[in-house]
Amino acid sequence: MQIIQSNIANLPTKYGNFKIKAYKQNSQEHLALMSENFNPNETINLRIHSECLTGDVFGSIKCDCQKQLELAISYISKNGGMIIYHRQEGRNIGLLNKVNAYSLQDSGKDTIEANLALGFKEDEREYSIVEYILKDLGVKKINILTNNPSKIEFLEKIEKLEIVGRIPTIVEPNCYNKDYLRTKKEQMGHML
């Protein structure tokens, strides 16, 4: 696996000041957003946030992605830690296919059925870059900000990484995302 990485740079945000580092794996570019007081020798509050352009940038309320990202950034700004912005759009089916999946959802399919109808697995993400970033930055102990058991399962397999605890990232459902959240809970095992 060939990975190209940037230097660390400062990134002032509306949530506070952070450090940022980019990693390029094949055609995907991922980010590590670290609090100013980031110290890999301490237990790190970690959010692995899978890219959701429609939610993160455009504020779609068909999902809970933007709310979870905002919750994580705010929490890490106050308590320290890191967000890995995992750029695998639409559970790694890409933006074009994600919009096609949205169209199928408009006609009654849930998120899993839509992915399967397009010829994909329910979740195409892979996390090798996450392991690389954690090792590159020297992270050994984490509190994981997630509701996703697949992310926890992946992290438990990383040698010399200890999961100290889990911090839920539960947000209030709305009339547009309640079925989406129900599918995540009932079919994907999310802890909601």
N, C-alpha and C. Protein backbone atom coordinates (compact mmCIF):
# COMPACT_ATOMS: atom_id res chain seq x y z
N MET A 1 0.86 -1.18 0.00
CA MET A 1 0.00 0.00 0.00
C MET A 1 0.90 1.23 0.00
N GLN A 2 0.82 2.01 -1.08
CA GLN A 2 1.60 3.24 -1.17
C GLN A 2 0.75 4.41 -0.69
N ILE A 3 1.30 5.15 0.25
CA ILE A 3 0.59 6.29 0.82
C ILE A 3 1.49 7.51 0.77
N ILE A 4 0.92 8.60 0.32
CA ILE A 4 1.62 9.89 0.31
C ILE A 4 0.98 10.73 1.40
N GLN A 5 1.80 11.47 2.13
CA GLN A 5 1.24 12.29 3.20
C GLN A 5 1.78 13.70 3.19
N SER A 6 0.97 14.60 3.71
CA SER A 6 1.36 16.01 3.79
C SER A 6 2.11 16.26 5.08
N ASN A 7 2.60 17.47 5.21
CA ASN A 7 3.09 17.95 6.50
C ASN A 7 1.88 18.27 7.37
N ILE A 8 2.11 18.51 8.65
CA ILE A 8 1.04 18.96 9.55
C ILE A 8 0.93 20.47 9.43
N ALA A 9 -0.31 20.96 9.36
CA ALA A 9 -0.56 22.40 9.24
C ALA A 9 -1.59 22.82 10.29
N ASN A 10 -1.65 24.11 10.57
CA ASN A 10 -2.65 24.66 11.48
C ASN A 10 -3.96 24.85 10.73
N LEU A 11 -5.08 24.63 11.42
CA LEU A 11 -6.39 24.84 10.84
C LEU A 11 -7.31 25.47 11.87
N PRO A 12 -7.41 26.81 11.87
CA PRO A 12 -8.38 27.45 12.77
C PRO A 12 -9.79 27.23 12.20
N THR A 13 -10.75 26.89 13.08
CA THR A 13 -12.13 26.65 12.65
C THR A 13 -13.09 27.38 13.58
N LYS A 14 -14.35 27.35 13.26
CA LYS A 14 -15.36 27.96 14.12
C LYS A 14 -15.49 27.20 15.44
N TYR A 15 -14.94 25.97 15.51
CA TYR A 15 -14.99 25.17 16.73
C TYR A 15 -13.74 25.37 17.60
N GLY A 16 -12.70 25.95 17.03
CA GLY A 16 -11.44 26.12 17.73
C GLY A 16 -10.28 25.83 16.79
N ASN A 17 -9.08 25.83 17.32
CA ASN A 17 -7.89 25.62 16.52
C ASN A 17 -7.50 24.14 16.51
N PHE A 18 -7.17 23.65 15.32
CA PHE A 18 -6.79 22.26 15.12
C PHE A 18 -5.51 22.18 14.32
N LYS A 19 -4.94 21.00 14.27
CA LYS A 19 -3.85 20.65 13.36
C LYS A 19 -4.45 19.70 12.33
N ILE A 20 -3.94 19.74 11.10
CA ILE A 20 -4.48 18.89 10.05
C ILE A 20 -3.35 18.25 9.26
N LYS A 21 -3.56 17.01 8.86
CA LYS A 21 -2.59 16.28 8.04
C LYS A 21 -3.38 15.46 7.03
N ALA A 22 -2.93 15.44 5.77
CA ALA A 22 -3.61 14.70 4.70
C ALA A 22 -2.80 13.46 4.33
N TYR A 23 -3.55 12.44 3.92
CA TYR A 23 -2.97 11.17 3.49
C TYR A 23 -3.63 10.78 2.18
N LYS A 24 -2.85 10.38 1.19
CA LYS A 24 -3.40 9.94 -0.09
C LYS A 24 -3.09 8.46 -0.29
N GLN A 25 -4.16 7.68 -0.46
CA GLN A 25 -4.06 6.25 -0.72
C GLN A 25 -4.78 6.02 -2.05
N ASN A 26 -4.04 5.62 -3.07
CA ASN A 26 -4.59 5.48 -4.42
C ASN A 26 -5.22 6.81 -4.83
N SER A 27 -6.50 6.84 -5.17
CA SER A 27 -7.11 8.11 -5.59
C SER A 27 -7.87 8.80 -4.45
N GLN A 28 -7.90 8.19 -3.26
CA GLN A 28 -8.64 8.78 -2.15
C GLN A 28 -7.70 9.54 -1.22
N GLU A 29 -8.14 10.74 -0.83
CA GLU A 29 -7.37 11.57 0.09
C GLU A 29 -8.14 11.69 1.39
N HIS A 30 -7.50 11.33 2.49
CA HIS A 30 -8.11 11.30 3.81
C HIS A 30 -7.44 12.36 4.69
N LEU A 31 -8.11 12.72 5.78
CA LEU A 31 -7.58 13.75 6.67
C LEU A 31 -7.54 13.28 8.12
N ALA A 32 -6.53 13.75 8.83
CA ALA A 32 -6.48 13.63 10.29
C ALA A 32 -6.60 15.05 10.82
N LEU A 33 -7.65 15.30 11.59
CA LEU A 33 -7.89 16.60 12.22
C LEU A 33 -7.64 16.42 13.71
N MET A 34 -6.59 17.04 14.22
CA MET A 34 -6.16 16.84 15.60
C MET A 34 -6.36 18.11 16.41
N SER A 35 -6.78 17.93 17.65
CA SER A 35 -6.90 19.08 18.55
C SER A 35 -5.52 19.68 18.78
N GLU A 36 -5.50 20.95 19.19
CA GLU A 36 -4.22 21.63 19.44
C GLU A 36 -3.38 20.91 20.48
N ASN A 37 -4.04 20.31 21.47
CA ASN A 37 -3.33 19.64 22.55
C ASN A 37 -3.16 18.14 22.30
N PHE A 38 -3.27 17.71 21.04
CA PHE A 38 -3.16 16.29 20.67
C PHE A 38 -1.85 15.72 21.19
N ASN A 39 -1.95 14.64 21.96
CA ASN A 39 -0.77 13.98 22.51
C ASN A 39 -0.96 12.47 22.38
N PRO A 40 -0.25 11.82 21.44
CA PRO A 40 -0.46 10.39 21.22
C PRO A 40 -0.09 9.51 22.40
N ASN A 41 0.59 10.06 23.40
CA ASN A 41 0.95 9.29 24.59
C ASN A 41 -0.20 9.21 25.60
N GLU A 42 -1.27 9.96 25.34
CA GLU A 42 -2.46 9.93 26.19
C GLU A 42 -3.55 9.13 25.49
N THR A 43 -4.66 8.88 26.16
CA THR A 43 -5.82 8.25 25.54
C THR A 43 -6.48 9.29 24.63
N ILE A 44 -6.62 8.94 23.36
CA ILE A 44 -7.13 9.86 22.34
C ILE A 44 -8.63 9.64 22.13
N ASN A 45 -9.40 10.71 22.15
CA ASN A 45 -10.80 10.66 21.73
C ASN A 45 -10.78 10.66 20.20
N LEU A 46 -11.30 9.59 19.59
CA LEU A 46 -11.19 9.40 18.15
C LEU A 46 -12.55 9.24 17.50
N ARG A 47 -12.78 9.99 16.44
CA ARG A 47 -13.94 9.80 15.58
C ARG A 47 -13.42 9.44 14.19
N ILE A 48 -13.85 8.29 13.66
CA ILE A 48 -13.60 7.95 12.26
C ILE A 48 -14.87 8.37 11.55
N HIS A 49 -14.81 9.46 10.81
CA HIS A 49 -16.01 9.97 10.15
C HIS A 49 -15.94 9.67 8.66
N SER A 50 -16.88 8.86 8.21
CA SER A 50 -16.95 8.52 6.79
C SER A 50 -17.59 9.68 6.03
N GLU A 51 -16.91 10.08 4.98
CA GLU A 51 -17.36 11.23 4.18
C GLU A 51 -18.81 11.08 3.75
N CYS A 52 -19.55 12.18 3.87
CA CYS A 52 -20.93 12.27 3.39
C CYS A 52 -21.10 13.68 2.84
N LEU A 53 -20.77 13.87 1.57
CA LEU A 53 -20.82 15.20 0.98
C LEU A 53 -22.20 15.82 1.12
N THR A 54 -23.24 15.04 0.87
CA THR A 54 -24.59 15.59 0.92
C THR A 54 -24.96 16.06 2.32
N GLY A 55 -24.51 15.35 3.34
CA GLY A 55 -24.79 15.75 4.71
C GLY A 55 -23.78 16.75 5.24
N ASP A 56 -22.49 16.41 5.12
CA ASP A 56 -21.43 17.23 5.71
C ASP A 56 -21.37 18.63 5.12
N VAL A 57 -21.56 18.74 3.81
CA VAL A 57 -21.41 20.04 3.13
C VAL A 57 -22.76 20.71 2.88
N PHE A 58 -23.73 19.94 2.36
CA PHE A 58 -25.00 20.54 1.94
C PHE A 58 -26.09 20.46 3.01
N GLY A 59 -25.80 19.80 4.12
CA GLY A 59 -26.75 19.77 5.23
C GLY A 59 -27.94 18.86 5.02
N SER A 60 -27.80 17.81 4.22
CA SER A 60 -28.90 16.87 4.04
C SER A 60 -29.36 16.34 5.39
N ILE A 61 -30.66 16.22 5.54
CA ILE A 61 -31.20 15.65 6.77
C ILE A 61 -31.81 14.26 6.51
N LYS A 62 -31.41 13.65 5.38
CA LYS A 62 -31.78 12.26 5.09
C LYS A 62 -30.93 11.30 5.92
N CYS A 63 -29.88 11.81 6.54
CA CYS A 63 -28.96 10.99 7.34
C CYS A 63 -28.63 11.76 8.63
N ASP A 64 -27.76 11.17 9.43
CA ASP A 64 -27.33 11.83 10.67
C ASP A 64 -25.85 12.24 10.61
N CYS A 65 -25.28 12.21 9.41
CA CYS A 65 -23.83 12.40 9.25
C CYS A 65 -23.33 13.77 9.72
N GLN A 66 -23.94 14.84 9.22
CA GLN A 66 -23.48 16.18 9.60
C GLN A 66 -23.59 16.40 11.10
N LYS A 67 -24.70 15.96 11.67
CA LYS A 67 -24.90 16.14 13.12
C LYS A 67 -23.83 15.37 13.90
N GLN A 68 -23.50 14.14 13.47
CA GLN A 68 -22.47 13.37 14.16
C GLN A 68 -21.10 14.04 14.02
N LEU A 69 -20.81 14.57 12.83
CA LEU A 69 -19.53 15.26 12.62
C LEU A 69 -19.44 16.50 13.50
N GLU A 70 -20.50 17.29 13.55
CA GLU A 70 -20.50 18.49 14.39
C GLU A 70 -20.35 18.13 15.87
N LEU A 71 -21.05 17.09 16.29
CA LEU A 71 -20.94 16.63 17.67
C LEU A 71 -19.49 16.24 17.99
N ALA A 72 -18.86 15.49 17.07
CA ALA A 72 -17.49 15.03 17.27
C ALA A 72 -16.49 16.19 17.29
N ILE A 73 -16.63 17.12 16.35
CA ILE A 73 -15.70 18.26 16.31
C ILE A 73 -15.83 19.09 17.59
N SER A 74 -17.05 19.34 17.99
CA SER A 74 -17.28 20.11 19.21
C SER A 74 -16.69 19.39 20.43
N TYR A 75 -16.95 18.09 20.54
CA TYR A 75 -16.44 17.29 21.67
C TYR A 75 -14.91 17.30 21.69
N ILE A 76 -14.30 17.08 20.55
CA ILE A 76 -12.84 17.01 20.47
C ILE A 76 -12.20 18.38 20.68
N SER A 77 -12.89 19.43 20.24
CA SER A 77 -12.40 20.78 20.49
C SER A 77 -12.29 21.05 21.99
N LYS A 78 -13.27 20.54 22.75
CA LYS A 78 -13.30 20.78 24.20
C LYS A 78 -12.44 19.78 24.98
N ASN A 79 -12.40 18.53 24.51
CA ASN A 79 -11.78 17.44 25.28
C ASN A 79 -10.51 16.88 24.68
N GLY A 80 -10.12 17.36 23.52
CA GLY A 80 -8.92 16.85 22.85
C GLY A 80 -9.20 15.58 22.07
N GLY A 81 -8.34 15.30 21.10
CA GLY A 81 -8.47 14.09 20.32
C GLY A 81 -8.27 14.32 18.84
N MET A 82 -8.92 13.46 18.05
CA MET A 82 -8.68 13.47 16.61
C MET A 82 -9.89 12.94 15.86
N ILE A 83 -10.11 13.52 14.68
CA ILE A 83 -11.09 13.00 13.73
C ILE A 83 -10.32 12.53 12.51
N ILE A 84 -10.57 11.30 12.10
CA ILE A 84 -10.06 10.83 10.81
C ILE A 84 -11.23 10.98 9.85
N TYR A 85 -11.06 11.88 8.87
CA TYR A 85 -12.09 12.08 7.86
C TYR A 85 -11.82 11.09 6.75
N HIS A 86 -12.57 10.02 6.78
CA HIS A 86 -12.39 8.83 5.95
C HIS A 86 -13.17 9.04 4.64
N ARG A 87 -12.46 9.36 3.58
CA ARG A 87 -13.11 9.79 2.34
C ARG A 87 -13.52 8.61 1.47
N GLN A 88 -14.55 7.91 1.95
CA GLN A 88 -15.13 6.80 1.20
C GLN A 88 -16.64 7.07 1.11
N GLU A 89 -16.97 7.99 0.23
CA GLU A 89 -18.33 8.50 0.06
C GLU A 89 -19.36 7.38 -0.12
N GLY A 90 -20.49 7.54 0.56
CA GLY A 90 -21.60 6.61 0.37
C GLY A 90 -21.25 5.17 0.73
N ARG A 91 -20.58 4.99 1.86
CA ARG A 91 -20.08 3.66 2.26
C ARG A 91 -19.19 3.07 1.18
N ASN A 92 -18.47 3.96 0.52
CA ASN A 92 -17.45 3.66 -0.50
C ASN A 92 -18.04 3.17 -1.82
N ILE A 93 -19.24 3.66 -2.17
CA ILE A 93 -19.76 3.38 -3.51
C ILE A 93 -19.60 4.59 -4.43
N GLY A 94 -19.13 5.71 -3.88
CA GLY A 94 -18.91 6.91 -4.68
C GLY A 94 -20.15 7.79 -4.74
N LEU A 95 -19.92 9.04 -5.07
CA LEU A 95 -20.99 10.03 -5.07
C LEU A 95 -22.06 9.74 -6.12
N LEU A 96 -21.67 9.40 -7.33
CA LEU A 96 -22.64 9.12 -8.39
C LEU A 96 -23.55 7.96 -7.98
N ASN A 97 -22.97 6.88 -7.50
CA ASN A 97 -23.78 5.74 -7.07
C ASN A 97 -24.61 6.06 -5.83
N LYS A 98 -24.09 6.93 -4.97
CA LYS A 98 -24.87 7.33 -3.80
C LYS A 98 -26.14 8.06 -4.22
N VAL A 99 -26.02 8.93 -5.21
CA VAL A 99 -27.20 9.64 -5.70
C VAL A 99 -28.17 8.65 -6.35
N ASN A 100 -27.64 7.67 -7.07
CA ASN A 100 -28.51 6.62 -7.62
C ASN A 100 -29.20 5.84 -6.49
N ALA A 101 -28.48 5.58 -5.41
CA ALA A 101 -29.08 4.90 -4.25
C ALA A 101 -30.16 5.78 -3.63
N TYR A 102 -29.93 7.09 -3.56
CA TYR A 102 -30.97 8.00 -3.08
C TYR A 102 -32.24 7.86 -3.93
N SER A 103 -32.07 7.79 -5.25
CA SER A 103 -33.22 7.66 -6.14
C SER A 103 -33.99 6.37 -5.84
N LEU A 104 -33.28 5.28 -5.62
CA LEU A 104 -33.92 4.03 -5.26
C LEU A 104 -34.62 4.13 -3.91
N GLN A 105 -34.03 4.88 -2.98
CA GLN A 105 -34.66 5.09 -1.68
C GLN A 105 -35.95 5.90 -1.84
N ASP A 106 -35.94 6.85 -2.79
CA ASP A 106 -37.15 7.64 -3.04
C ASP A 106 -38.31 6.75 -3.50
N SER A 107 -37.97 5.61 -4.11
CA SER A 107 -39.04 4.71 -4.57
C SER A 107 -39.32 3.58 -3.58
N GLY A 108 -38.78 3.70 -2.33
CA GLY A 108 -39.17 2.77 -1.28
C GLY A 108 -38.12 1.82 -0.75
N LYS A 109 -36.95 1.74 -1.36
CA LYS A 109 -35.90 0.85 -0.85
C LYS A 109 -35.20 1.50 0.34
N ASP A 110 -34.72 0.67 1.27
CA ASP A 110 -33.89 1.23 2.35
C ASP A 110 -32.45 1.33 1.84
N THR A 111 -31.55 1.84 2.67
CA THR A 111 -30.17 2.08 2.21
C THR A 111 -29.46 0.78 1.83
N ILE A 112 -29.72 -0.29 2.53
CA ILE A 112 -29.10 -1.57 2.21
C ILE A 112 -29.65 -2.11 0.90
N GLU A 113 -30.97 -2.12 0.76
CA GLU A 113 -31.60 -2.61 -0.47
C GLU A 113 -31.13 -1.81 -1.68
N ALA A 114 -30.98 -0.51 -1.52
CA ALA A 114 -30.52 0.33 -2.63
C ALA A 114 -29.10 -0.04 -3.05
N ASN A 115 -28.20 -0.20 -2.08
CA ASN A 115 -26.83 -0.60 -2.42
C ASN A 115 -26.81 -1.95 -3.13
N LEU A 116 -27.56 -2.91 -2.61
CA LEU A 116 -27.61 -4.25 -3.21
C LEU A 116 -28.18 -4.18 -4.63
N ALA A 117 -29.21 -3.37 -4.85
CA ALA A 117 -29.81 -3.23 -6.18
C ALA A 117 -28.82 -2.65 -7.18
N LEU A 118 -27.88 -1.86 -6.70
CA LEU A 118 -26.85 -1.27 -7.57
C LEU A 118 -25.65 -2.20 -7.76
N GLY A 119 -25.69 -3.37 -7.13
CA GLY A 119 -24.61 -4.35 -7.31
C GLY A 119 -23.50 -4.24 -6.27
N PHE A 120 -23.75 -3.53 -5.18
CA PHE A 120 -22.75 -3.37 -4.13
C PHE A 120 -23.14 -4.17 -2.89
N LYS A 121 -22.18 -4.35 -1.99
CA LYS A 121 -22.49 -4.88 -0.66
C LYS A 121 -23.17 -3.76 0.13
N GLU A 122 -23.75 -4.11 1.28
CA GLU A 122 -24.40 -3.08 2.09
C GLU A 122 -23.42 -2.01 2.54
N ASP A 123 -22.14 -2.39 2.68
CA ASP A 123 -21.10 -1.45 3.11
C ASP A 123 -19.79 -1.86 2.44
N GLU A 124 -19.28 -1.02 1.56
CA GLU A 124 -18.07 -1.31 0.80
C GLU A 124 -16.80 -0.70 1.42
N ARG A 125 -16.94 -0.07 2.58
CA ARG A 125 -15.77 0.61 3.17
C ARG A 125 -14.70 -0.39 3.60
N GLU A 126 -13.46 0.06 3.52
CA GLU A 126 -12.33 -0.67 4.10
C GLU A 126 -11.49 0.36 4.85
N TYR A 127 -10.81 -0.11 5.90
CA TYR A 127 -10.24 0.82 6.87
C TYR A 127 -8.71 0.76 6.98
N SER A 128 -8.02 0.22 5.99
CA SER A 128 -6.56 0.10 6.12
C SER A 128 -5.89 1.45 6.33
N ILE A 129 -6.41 2.51 5.70
CA ILE A 129 -5.81 3.83 5.88
C ILE A 129 -5.97 4.32 7.32
N VAL A 130 -7.03 3.94 7.98
CA VAL A 130 -7.24 4.34 9.37
C VAL A 130 -6.13 3.75 10.24
N GLU A 131 -5.85 2.47 10.06
CA GLU A 131 -4.77 1.83 10.81
C GLU A 131 -3.44 2.53 10.53
N TYR A 132 -3.20 2.85 9.26
CA TYR A 132 -1.95 3.53 8.88
C TYR A 132 -1.84 4.89 9.59
N ILE A 133 -2.91 5.67 9.60
CA ILE A 133 -2.89 6.99 10.22
C ILE A 133 -2.64 6.88 11.72
N LEU A 134 -3.33 5.95 12.37
CA LEU A 134 -3.15 5.79 13.82
C LEU A 134 -1.71 5.42 14.15
N LYS A 135 -1.13 4.52 13.37
CA LYS A 135 0.27 4.13 13.62
C LYS A 135 1.22 5.27 13.28
N ASP A 136 0.95 5.98 12.18
CA ASP A 136 1.81 7.10 11.79
C ASP A 136 1.86 8.16 12.87
N LEU A 137 0.73 8.42 13.52
CA LEU A 137 0.66 9.46 14.54
C LEU A 137 0.97 8.94 15.94
N GLY A 138 1.26 7.64 16.06
CA GLY A 138 1.69 7.07 17.33
C GLY A 138 0.58 6.84 18.34
N VAL A 139 -0.68 6.69 17.88
CA VAL A 139 -1.81 6.51 18.78
C VAL A 139 -1.83 5.07 19.30
N LYS A 140 -1.96 4.92 20.63
CA LYS A 140 -1.94 3.59 21.25
C LYS A 140 -3.22 3.28 22.05
N LYS A 141 -3.89 4.33 22.56
CA LYS A 141 -5.11 4.16 23.36
C LYS A 141 -6.15 5.15 22.87
N ILE A 142 -7.41 4.63 22.76
CA ILE A 142 -8.47 5.50 22.24
C ILE A 142 -9.77 5.34 23.01
N ASN A 143 -10.55 6.41 23.01
CA ASN A 143 -11.98 6.39 23.27
C ASN A 143 -12.60 6.63 21.91
N ILE A 144 -13.42 5.70 21.43
CA ILE A 144 -13.97 5.82 20.08
C ILE A 144 -15.35 6.47 20.12
N LEU A 145 -15.53 7.53 19.35
CA LEU A 145 -16.81 8.21 19.21
C LEU A 145 -17.54 7.57 18.05
N THR A 146 -18.43 6.62 18.33
CA THR A 146 -19.14 5.92 17.27
C THR A 146 -20.37 5.21 17.81
N ASN A 147 -21.26 4.87 16.87
CA ASN A 147 -22.39 3.99 17.14
C ASN A 147 -22.24 2.71 16.31
N ASN A 148 -21.19 2.66 15.48
CA ASN A 148 -21.03 1.61 14.47
C ASN A 148 -20.18 0.45 14.99
N PRO A 149 -20.78 -0.73 15.17
CA PRO A 149 -20.01 -1.87 15.68
C PRO A 149 -18.93 -2.35 14.70
N SER A 150 -19.09 -2.11 13.41
CA SER A 150 -18.07 -2.52 12.43
C SER A 150 -16.77 -1.75 12.63
N LYS A 151 -16.88 -0.48 12.98
CA LYS A 151 -15.67 0.32 13.22
C LYS A 151 -14.96 -0.18 14.49
N ILE A 152 -15.74 -0.50 15.51
CA ILE A 152 -15.14 -1.03 16.74
C ILE A 152 -14.45 -2.37 16.46
N GLU A 153 -15.14 -3.22 15.73
CA GLU A 153 -14.59 -4.54 15.38
C GLU A 153 -13.27 -4.39 14.62
N PHE A 154 -13.21 -3.45 13.67
CA PHE A 154 -11.97 -3.21 12.94
C PHE A 154 -10.86 -2.74 13.89
N LEU A 155 -11.18 -1.77 14.75
CA LEU A 155 -10.17 -1.22 15.65
C LEU A 155 -9.64 -2.26 16.64
N GLU A 156 -10.51 -3.19 17.06
CA GLU A 156 -10.08 -4.23 18.00
C GLU A 156 -9.03 -5.15 17.39
N LYS A 157 -8.95 -5.19 16.08
CA LYS A 157 -7.99 -6.07 15.39
C LYS A 157 -6.62 -5.41 15.19
N ILE A 158 -6.53 -4.12 15.48
CA ILE A 158 -5.25 -3.43 15.29
C ILE A 158 -4.32 -3.77 16.44
N GLU A 159 -3.19 -4.33 16.08
CA GLU A 159 -2.19 -4.73 17.07
C GLU A 159 -1.67 -3.51 17.83
N LYS A 160 -1.55 -3.64 19.12
CA LYS A 160 -1.01 -2.60 20.01
C LYS A 160 -1.89 -1.36 20.10
N LEU A 161 -3.20 -1.51 19.80
CA LEU A 161 -4.14 -0.41 19.99
C LEU A 161 -5.17 -0.85 21.02
N GLU A 162 -5.34 -0.04 22.05
CA GLU A 162 -6.28 -0.36 23.12
C GLU A 162 -7.50 0.56 23.04
N ILE A 163 -8.68 -0.04 23.01
CA ILE A 163 -9.92 0.74 23.08
C ILE A 163 -10.29 0.85 24.55
N VAL A 164 -10.20 2.03 25.10
CA VAL A 164 -10.48 2.27 26.51
C VAL A 164 -11.98 2.38 26.73
N GLY A 165 -12.69 3.05 25.81
CA GLY A 165 -14.12 3.23 25.95
C GLY A 165 -14.77 3.66 24.66
N ARG A 166 -16.12 3.74 24.70
CA ARG A 166 -16.89 4.21 23.55
C ARG A 166 -17.73 5.39 23.99
N ILE A 167 -17.74 6.42 23.16
CA ILE A 167 -18.56 7.60 23.39
C ILE A 167 -19.63 7.61 22.30
N PRO A 168 -20.90 7.45 22.67
CA PRO A 168 -21.96 7.44 21.66
C PRO A 168 -22.07 8.77 20.92
N THR A 169 -22.47 8.70 19.66
CA THR A 169 -22.69 9.92 18.85
C THR A 169 -24.14 9.90 18.35
N ILE A 170 -25.05 9.88 19.29
CA ILE A 170 -26.47 9.77 18.96
C ILE A 170 -27.07 11.15 18.77
N VAL A 171 -27.78 11.31 17.67
CA VAL A 171 -28.44 12.59 17.38
C VAL A 171 -29.94 12.34 17.25
N GLU A 172 -30.70 13.40 17.42
CA GLU A 172 -32.16 13.32 17.37
C GLU A 172 -32.63 13.01 15.94
N PRO A 173 -33.46 11.98 15.76
CA PRO A 173 -33.98 11.68 14.42
C PRO A 173 -34.98 12.74 13.97
N ASN A 174 -35.21 12.78 12.66
CA ASN A 174 -36.23 13.66 12.10
C ASN A 174 -37.09 12.85 11.13
N CYS A 175 -38.10 13.46 10.56
CA CYS A 175 -39.02 12.72 9.69
C CYS A 175 -38.36 12.22 8.40
N TYR A 176 -37.22 12.79 8.02
CA TYR A 176 -36.52 12.38 6.80
C TYR A 176 -35.52 11.25 7.03
N ASN A 177 -35.01 11.12 8.26
CA ASN A 177 -33.96 10.11 8.49
C ASN A 177 -34.37 8.98 9.44
N LYS A 178 -35.62 8.98 9.92
CA LYS A 178 -35.99 7.95 10.91
C LYS A 178 -35.92 6.54 10.33
N ASP A 179 -36.31 6.34 9.06
CA ASP A 179 -36.21 5.01 8.46
C ASP A 179 -34.75 4.62 8.22
N TYR A 180 -33.94 5.59 7.82
CA TYR A 180 -32.51 5.36 7.63
C TYR A 180 -31.87 4.91 8.95
N LEU A 181 -32.19 5.60 10.04
CA LEU A 181 -31.64 5.24 11.35
C LEU A 181 -32.17 3.90 11.83
N ARG A 182 -33.43 3.60 11.53
CA ARG A 182 -34.00 2.30 11.90
C ARG A 182 -33.25 1.18 11.17
N THR A 183 -32.94 1.37 9.90
CA THR A 183 -32.18 0.38 9.12
C THR A 183 -30.79 0.20 9.72
N LYS A 184 -30.13 1.30 10.07
CA LYS A 184 -28.80 1.20 10.68
C LYS A 184 -28.85 0.40 11.99
N LYS A 185 -29.89 0.64 12.78
CA LYS A 185 -30.01 -0.03 14.07
C LYS A 185 -30.40 -1.50 13.90
N GLU A 186 -31.45 -1.77 13.15
CA GLU A 186 -32.02 -3.11 13.08
C GLU A 186 -31.26 -4.05 12.16
N GLN A 187 -30.67 -3.51 11.08
CA GLN A 187 -30.02 -4.38 10.11
C GLN A 187 -28.49 -4.33 10.17
N MET A 188 -27.93 -3.23 10.66
CA MET A 188 -26.48 -3.09 10.69
C MET A 188 -25.93 -3.10 12.12
N GLY A 189 -26.83 -3.19 13.10
CA GLY A 189 -26.40 -3.32 14.49
C GLY A 189 -25.89 -2.05 15.15
N HIS A 190 -26.16 -0.89 14.55
CA HIS A 190 -25.69 0.35 15.16
C HIS A 190 -26.33 0.54 16.53
N MET A 191 -25.56 1.07 17.45
CA MET A 191 -25.99 1.23 18.85
C MET A 191 -26.70 2.56 19.01
N LEU A 192 -27.97 2.58 18.60
CA LEU A 192 -28.75 3.82 18.65
C LEU A 192 -29.85 3.70 19.69
